[in-house]
Amino acid sequence: MSFSLRPFTAPDFDQEQFRNAPNAVLEPCPKDGVAPMNYHAMSIFPEYFKVDGQWIMAKESRMDCVPVYEDGVIYVKEFRLLKAGELVFTGRTENCEDGIYVYPDGFRESAAQRDVFAFRQNRSRETAFSKDYDEIYDLLRHDRDHGKIVWVMGPAFAFDYDARNAFAKLVENGYVHAVLAGNALATHDLEGAYLNTALGQNIYTTVNQPNGHYNHLDLLNRVRYHGSVAKFIEEEHIDNGIIYSLEKHHIPYVLGGSIRDDGPLPPVFANVYDAQDAMRNQVRDATTVICMATMLHTIATGNMTPSFRVMPDGTVRQIYFYCVDIAEFVVNKLADRGSLSARGIVTNVQDFVVNLSKGLGL
């Protein structure tokens, strides 16, 4: 069965509520990094603002940021990036009362009919995920050529021989357009390629090696000696793994630093806001996001990913967002934080990526 995107239906602005709505109110920022009082904060949904009698859509969005109006265009900015004097839309209502309309139903997602009492209404380890896998196969095949697939990854993959190989195959076959991760994912993956271990444990047999607790430090030290990951791969003749495949196929990856990082690797962003900017730059044109085994990176990415994307040809399409984790808490926490369009799969991520690779025939 061929995959097709759910069409977007724009609001009918001829309806009375839109025609009678006032123009949205704009107020200047009082100083750099500070929004005016009663600022409007964005959601994950498409939002429209009435300016001079015309409804304008914010073509790019991010939850908990503010809409800035300039020369007929709405820009959505983080508070820290606001400049004194920039005009920000104000108003806390969402149904035209302040000339602002939040539109959650553009993709006509039908709510499932359910009894008042029924078992397993939420996503848990007992949920059946077969249909989810089939949908992901079709989606990835579609977005390989017609979208941008961003993967958000924790270090769990680097500890498993088959998972590393499976993700490398996804990269090699065009199913990965960007990766967002931390120092640990890259460190342990490169350790696996360099010393065949992750945190000193063999990535296939799981046998701990003598003095293995030094291995990731030796890896970090060696990469820092070469000055870059690319130079390390070249000089040390690395020929396998996730980072090797990303470098080989020129796939961008963002490594956001953390307080606990060892080393870190040369490309790791030490400044958290630089990392946030780099992550958002990759998310801006993403059409599918798959987050696996990293709660904080997943929530961060979820907060900066809207439910829609305006494509270069002007069409509006849905963004597909998946959270995969063995912990039900992580999967459900994303929805609790406001990323209501996220779909959760509760499973071991190493098994997930291996099954994904096999299901795609790689």
Protein backbone atom coordinates (compact mmCIF):
# COMPACT_ATOMS: atom_id res chain seq x y z
CA MET A 1 0.00 0.00 0.00
CA SER A 2 1.46 3.37 -1.02
CA PHE A 3 1.95 6.00 1.66
CA SER A 4 0.07 9.29 1.45
CA LEU A 5 0.19 12.32 3.72
CA ARG A 6 -2.96 13.44 5.45
CA PRO A 7 -4.07 16.65 3.64
CA PHE A 8 -4.19 19.97 5.47
CA THR A 9 -7.46 21.91 5.44
CA ALA A 10 -7.05 25.62 6.18
CA PRO A 11 -9.61 27.49 8.33
CA ASP A 12 -12.58 29.07 6.58
CA PHE A 13 -11.84 32.74 7.15
CA ASP A 14 -15.24 33.73 5.73
CA GLN A 15 -16.86 32.53 8.93
CA GLU A 16 -18.27 35.17 11.23
CA GLN A 17 -15.80 34.59 14.06
CA PHE A 18 -12.91 35.47 11.74
CA ARG A 19 -14.61 38.40 9.99
CA ASN A 20 -15.67 39.99 13.28
CA ALA A 21 -12.37 39.40 15.08
CA PRO A 22 -10.27 42.48 15.94
CA ASN A 23 -6.80 42.99 14.59
CA ALA A 24 -4.13 41.45 16.78
CA VAL A 25 -2.30 43.90 19.04
CA LEU A 26 1.44 44.43 18.64
CA GLU A 27 3.65 45.78 21.41
CA PRO A 28 7.39 46.57 21.32
CA CYS A 29 9.91 44.66 23.40
CA PRO A 30 11.03 46.95 26.26
CA LYS A 31 14.63 45.67 26.16
CA ASP A 32 16.77 42.92 24.65
CA GLY A 33 15.65 39.46 25.72
CA VAL A 34 12.39 40.69 27.24
CA ALA A 35 8.90 40.38 25.73
CA PRO A 36 6.17 42.98 26.40
CA MET A 37 3.53 42.30 29.01
CA ASN A 38 0.69 40.01 27.90
CA TYR A 39 2.86 38.51 25.14
CA HIS A 40 1.41 35.58 23.22
CA ALA A 41 3.26 32.25 23.57
CA MET A 42 3.17 29.79 20.68
CA SER A 43 1.91 26.19 20.70
CA ILE A 44 2.78 23.19 18.55
CA PHE A 45 -0.22 23.90 16.26
CA PRO A 46 -0.64 26.22 13.26
CA GLU A 47 -1.48 29.73 14.45
CA TYR A 48 -2.96 32.69 12.58
CA PHE A 49 -2.79 36.42 13.43
CA LYS A 50 -5.07 39.13 12.05
CA VAL A 51 -3.10 42.09 10.70
CA ASP A 52 -4.82 44.97 8.89
CA GLY A 53 -7.88 42.80 8.35
CA GLN A 54 -5.93 39.84 6.90
CA TRP A 55 -5.19 36.54 8.64
CA ILE A 56 -1.48 35.63 8.44
CA MET A 57 -0.05 32.24 9.38
CA ALA A 58 3.19 31.89 11.31
CA LYS A 59 4.96 29.56 8.87
CA GLU A 60 7.48 28.43 11.45
CA SER A 61 6.73 27.79 15.09
CA ARG A 62 8.13 26.61 18.38
CA MET A 63 6.28 25.97 21.59
CA ASP A 64 6.84 28.54 24.38
CA CYS A 65 8.35 31.12 22.05
CA VAL A 66 6.87 34.46 20.95
CA PRO A 67 5.65 35.69 17.53
CA VAL A 68 7.45 38.78 16.19
CA TYR A 69 6.03 40.81 13.29
CA GLU A 70 8.34 42.45 10.77
CA ASP A 71 7.68 43.60 7.20
CA GLY A 72 4.58 41.46 6.76
CA VAL A 73 6.22 38.27 8.08
CA ILE A 74 5.76 36.52 11.44
CA TYR A 75 8.96 35.20 13.00
CA VAL A 76 8.85 32.98 16.07
CA LYS A 77 11.72 33.68 18.45
CA GLU A 78 13.07 32.46 21.76
CA PHE A 79 12.92 35.10 24.51
CA ARG A 80 16.72 35.27 24.63
CA LEU A 81 16.84 36.32 20.96
CA LEU A 82 14.37 39.21 21.22
CA LYS A 83 15.65 42.72 20.50
CA ALA A 84 14.42 45.97 22.06
CA GLY A 85 11.75 47.56 19.89
CA GLU A 86 10.75 44.40 18.01
CA LEU A 87 6.98 44.10 17.70
CA VAL A 88 5.48 41.10 19.49
CA PHE A 89 1.87 39.90 19.24
CA THR A 90 0.01 40.11 22.54
CA GLY A 91 -3.08 38.27 23.77
CA ARG A 92 -3.73 35.09 25.73
CA THR A 93 -6.88 33.84 23.96
CA GLU A 94 -6.85 31.32 21.09
CA ASN A 95 -10.20 31.57 19.32
CA CYS A 96 -10.10 34.98 17.58
CA GLU A 97 -10.95 37.08 20.65
CA ASP A 98 -7.56 38.86 20.42
CA GLY A 99 -7.12 38.46 16.67
CA ILE A 100 -5.24 35.20 17.28
CA TYR A 101 -6.41 31.76 16.20
CA VAL A 102 -4.80 28.48 17.28
CA TYR A 103 -5.79 25.74 14.84
CA PRO A 104 -5.37 22.15 16.14
CA ASP A 105 -7.60 20.35 13.61
CA GLY A 106 -6.02 21.11 10.25
CA PHE A 107 -5.12 17.50 9.53
CA ARG A 108 -8.58 16.25 10.51
CA GLU A 109 -7.30 13.62 12.91
CA SER A 110 -10.33 11.64 13.99
CA ALA A 111 -10.63 10.71 17.64
CA ALA A 112 -11.01 7.01 18.15
CA GLN A 113 -14.36 5.79 19.45
CA ARG A 114 -13.84 4.29 22.87
CA ASP A 115 -15.91 3.04 25.75
CA VAL A 116 -15.93 4.90 29.04
CA PHE A 117 -14.27 1.84 30.56
CA ALA A 118 -11.69 -0.01 28.48
CA PHE A 119 -8.34 -1.67 29.03
CA ARG A 120 -5.00 -0.26 27.83
CA GLN A 121 -6.11 3.15 26.62
CA ASN A 122 -2.61 4.58 27.10
CA ARG A 123 0.68 3.40 25.60
CA SER A 124 2.54 0.84 27.69
CA ARG A 125 4.77 -2.18 27.30
CA GLU A 126 1.58 -4.23 26.75
CA THR A 127 0.45 -2.10 23.80
CA ALA A 128 0.44 -3.73 20.36
CA PHE A 129 2.95 -1.89 18.19
CA SER A 130 2.81 -3.93 14.96
CA LYS A 131 0.77 -1.26 13.20
CA ASP A 132 3.19 1.44 14.34
CA TYR A 133 6.10 -0.41 12.73
CA ASP A 134 4.22 -0.79 9.44
CA GLU A 135 3.38 2.93 9.46
CA ILE A 136 6.99 3.86 10.18
CA TYR A 137 8.26 1.70 7.30
CA ASP A 138 5.93 3.49 4.87
CA LEU A 139 6.68 6.90 6.34
CA LEU A 140 10.45 6.47 6.15
CA ARG A 141 10.27 5.28 2.56
CA HIS A 142 8.23 8.37 1.72
CA ASP A 143 10.34 10.89 3.62
CA ARG A 144 13.64 9.46 2.43
CA ASP A 145 12.91 11.20 -0.88
CA HIS A 146 10.25 13.78 0.03
CA GLY A 147 11.13 15.02 3.52
CA LYS A 148 13.78 15.26 6.19
CA ILE A 149 14.23 12.52 8.81
CA VAL A 150 15.88 13.61 12.06
CA TRP A 151 16.95 11.06 14.67
CA VAL A 152 17.44 11.96 18.34
CA MET A 153 19.63 9.33 19.98
CA GLY A 154 20.84 8.29 23.40
CA PRO A 155 23.98 6.19 23.89
CA ALA A 156 22.18 2.83 24.23
CA PHE A 157 22.76 1.98 20.55
CA ALA A 158 26.51 2.23 20.88
CA PHE A 159 26.56 -0.64 23.38
CA ASP A 160 25.19 -3.22 20.94
CA TYR A 161 26.93 -4.66 17.88
CA ASP A 162 23.75 -5.30 15.88
CA ALA A 163 22.17 -1.94 16.74
CA ARG A 164 25.24 -0.04 15.55
CA ASN A 165 25.26 -1.96 12.29
CA ALA A 166 21.51 -1.53 11.81
CA PHE A 167 21.67 2.24 12.22
CA ALA A 168 24.68 2.44 9.92
CA LYS A 169 22.56 0.71 7.26
CA LEU A 170 19.81 3.29 7.76
CA VAL A 171 22.38 6.02 7.16
CA GLU A 172 23.85 4.30 4.10
CA ASN A 173 20.42 3.85 2.54
CA GLY A 174 19.27 7.45 2.91
CA TYR A 175 16.93 7.14 5.90
CA VAL A 176 18.93 9.56 8.08
CA HIS A 177 19.18 13.27 7.26
CA ALA A 178 20.41 14.53 10.65
CA VAL A 179 21.22 13.20 14.12
CA LEU A 180 20.85 15.01 17.44
CA ALA A 181 22.69 13.44 20.37
CA GLY A 182 25.14 14.02 23.18
CA ASN A 183 28.80 13.35 23.81
CA ALA A 184 28.08 9.84 25.12
CA LEU A 185 26.50 8.44 21.93
CA ALA A 186 29.44 9.52 19.79
CA THR A 187 32.08 8.58 22.38
CA HIS A 188 30.88 5.03 22.92
CA ASP A 189 30.15 4.45 19.25
CA LEU A 190 33.68 5.54 18.32
CA GLU A 191 35.02 3.44 21.21
CA GLY A 192 33.20 0.50 19.65
CA ALA A 193 34.85 1.17 16.30
CA TYR A 194 38.29 1.80 17.82
CA LEU A 195 38.51 -0.81 20.58
CA ASN A 196 35.42 -2.99 19.99
CA THR A 197 34.07 -2.01 23.41
CA ALA A 198 31.62 0.44 24.96
CA LEU A 199 32.60 1.52 28.48
CA GLY A 200 35.12 -1.30 28.37
CA GLN A 201 32.60 -4.04 27.60
CA ASN A 202 32.79 -5.94 24.33
CA ILE A 203 29.90 -4.73 22.15
CA TYR A 204 29.06 -8.25 21.00
CA THR A 205 30.00 -10.67 23.79
CA THR A 206 29.37 -8.16 26.65
CA VAL A 207 32.57 -9.42 28.32
CA ASN A 208 34.39 -6.73 30.28
CA GLN A 209 37.95 -6.16 29.09
CA PRO A 210 40.96 -5.75 31.41
CA ASN A 211 41.29 -2.11 32.45
CA GLY A 212 38.27 -1.48 30.23
CA HIS A 213 37.16 1.53 32.25
CA TYR A 214 40.03 3.37 30.56
CA ASN A 215 38.80 2.63 27.04
CA HIS A 216 36.38 5.52 26.57
CA LEU A 217 38.94 7.91 28.06
CA ASP A 218 41.63 6.57 25.71
CA LEU A 219 39.21 7.08 22.81
CA LEU A 220 38.41 10.64 23.85
CA ASN A 221 42.08 11.44 24.32
CA ARG A 222 42.98 10.03 20.92
CA VAL A 223 40.26 11.94 19.07
CA ARG A 224 41.30 15.14 20.82
CA TYR A 225 44.90 14.42 19.79
CA HIS A 226 43.85 14.28 16.14
CA GLY A 227 41.80 17.44 16.57
CA SER A 228 38.59 16.27 14.88
CA VAL A 229 36.44 13.19 14.47
CA ALA A 230 37.06 13.14 10.72
CA LYS A 231 40.84 13.20 11.18
CA PHE A 232 40.63 10.48 13.85
CA ILE A 233 38.60 8.26 11.50
CA GLU A 234 41.13 8.80 8.72
CA GLU A 235 44.32 8.38 10.74
CA GLU A 236 43.12 5.45 12.86
CA HIS A 237 41.52 3.65 9.87
CA ILE A 238 38.04 3.46 11.42
CA ASP A 239 35.62 1.63 9.11
CA ASN A 240 32.38 0.99 11.04
CA GLY A 241 29.75 2.45 13.32
CA ILE A 242 27.22 5.25 13.53
CA ILE A 243 29.55 8.27 13.54
CA TYR A 244 31.74 6.73 10.83
CA SER A 245 28.68 6.35 8.59
CA LEU A 246 27.48 9.90 9.31
CA GLU A 247 30.90 11.31 8.44
CA LYS A 248 31.23 9.12 5.35
CA HIS A 249 27.88 10.24 3.95
CA HIS A 250 28.22 13.87 5.10
CA ILE A 251 25.15 13.69 7.36
CA PRO A 252 25.06 16.54 9.90
CA TYR A 253 25.03 15.64 13.58
CA VAL A 254 24.69 17.88 16.62
CA LEU A 255 26.30 16.82 19.90
CA GLY A 256 24.94 18.85 22.82
CA GLY A 257 27.22 19.00 25.83
CA SER A 258 26.30 18.17 29.43
CA ILE A 259 27.73 18.90 32.86
CA ARG A 260 28.89 15.30 33.28
CA ASP A 261 30.70 14.93 29.94
CA ASP A 262 34.17 13.39 29.84
CA GLY A 263 36.58 14.86 27.33
CA PRO A 264 34.49 15.90 25.50
CA LEU A 265 34.83 15.12 21.79
CA PRO A 266 35.89 18.14 19.69
CA PRO A 267 32.50 18.75 17.96
CA VAL A 268 30.49 18.82 21.23
CA PHE A 269 28.78 22.15 21.90
CA ALA A 270 29.97 23.34 25.30
CA ASN A 271 27.42 26.18 25.45
CA VAL A 272 23.89 24.85 25.96
CA TYR A 273 22.30 27.68 23.96
CA ASP A 274 24.66 27.12 21.04
CA ALA A 275 23.61 23.47 21.15
CA GLN A 276 19.95 24.50 21.27
CA ASP A 277 20.39 26.76 18.24
CA ALA A 278 22.17 24.00 16.31
CA MET A 279 19.44 21.49 17.19
CA ARG A 280 16.69 23.88 16.17
CA ASN A 281 18.43 24.58 12.85
CA GLN A 282 18.12 20.88 12.04
CA VAL A 283 14.53 20.65 13.30
CA ARG A 284 13.35 23.71 11.32
CA ASP A 285 12.79 21.71 8.13
CA ALA A 286 12.29 18.24 9.66
CA THR A 287 9.23 16.27 8.58
CA THR A 288 9.83 13.11 10.65
CA VAL A 289 11.53 13.02 14.06
CA ILE A 290 12.34 9.75 15.83
CA CYS A 291 13.65 10.03 19.40
CA MET A 292 15.22 7.00 21.02
CA ALA A 293 16.39 6.36 24.58
CA THR A 294 17.21 9.88 25.69
CA MET A 295 14.66 11.64 27.88
CA LEU A 296 16.20 15.11 28.04
CA HIS A 297 17.15 15.34 24.35
CA THR A 298 13.71 13.98 23.45
CA ILE A 299 11.85 16.57 25.54
CA ALA A 300 14.12 19.34 24.25
CA THR A 301 13.46 18.33 20.65
CA GLY A 302 9.74 17.89 21.31
CA ASN A 303 9.54 21.41 22.71
CA MET A 304 11.08 22.88 19.55
CA THR A 305 9.11 20.78 17.04
CA PRO A 306 5.64 21.96 15.93
CA SER A 307 2.97 19.60 14.61
CA PHE A 308 3.23 20.96 11.07
CA ARG A 309 5.70 22.08 8.44
CA VAL A 310 5.22 24.61 5.65
CA MET A 311 7.01 23.09 2.65
CA PRO A 312 8.96 25.11 0.05
CA ASP A 313 6.00 24.94 -2.35
CA GLY A 314 3.72 26.48 0.29
CA THR A 315 1.81 23.32 1.19
CA VAL A 316 1.33 22.49 4.87
CA ARG A 317 2.10 18.94 5.97
CA GLN A 318 2.11 17.04 9.22
CA ILE A 319 5.31 16.38 11.16
CA TYR A 320 5.52 12.82 12.44
CA PHE A 321 7.12 12.58 15.87
CA TYR A 322 7.96 9.28 17.58
CA CYS A 323 9.34 8.66 21.05
CA VAL A 324 10.87 5.20 21.54
CA ASP A 325 12.03 4.14 24.98
CA ILE A 326 11.91 1.09 27.23
CA ALA A 327 10.55 3.28 30.04
CA GLU A 328 6.83 4.07 29.88
CA PHE A 329 7.51 7.15 31.97
CA VAL A 330 9.65 8.72 29.22
CA VAL A 331 7.15 7.94 26.46
CA ASN A 332 4.24 9.43 28.39
CA LYS A 333 6.16 12.38 29.84
CA LEU A 334 6.58 13.90 26.37
CA ALA A 335 2.82 14.24 25.99
CA ASP A 336 2.62 15.65 29.52
CA ARG A 337 5.07 18.37 28.50
CA GLY A 338 2.78 19.55 25.68
CA SER A 339 4.08 17.59 22.68
CA LEU A 340 0.63 16.18 22.08
CA SER A 341 1.37 14.98 18.54
CA ALA A 342 4.15 12.64 19.71
CA ARG A 343 3.51 8.92 19.31
CA GLY A 344 5.13 6.58 21.79
CA ILE A 345 6.57 3.09 21.39
CA VAL A 346 7.63 1.28 24.56
CA THR A 347 10.42 -1.13 23.67
CA ASN A 348 14.15 -1.75 23.84
CA VAL A 349 15.63 0.74 21.37
CA GLN A 350 18.35 -1.68 20.28
CA ASP A 351 15.66 -4.13 19.19
CA PHE A 352 13.65 -1.30 17.65
CA VAL A 353 16.39 -0.11 15.32
CA VAL A 354 17.33 -3.67 14.32
CA ASN A 355 13.69 -4.49 13.52
CA LEU A 356 13.40 -1.22 11.61
CA SER A 357 16.40 -2.02 9.48
CA LYS A 358 15.13 -5.52 8.73
CA GLY A 359 11.60 -4.28 8.03
CA LEU A 360 12.99 -1.87 5.45
CA GLY A 361 14.81 -4.75 3.78
CA LEU A 362 18.33 -3.49 4.58
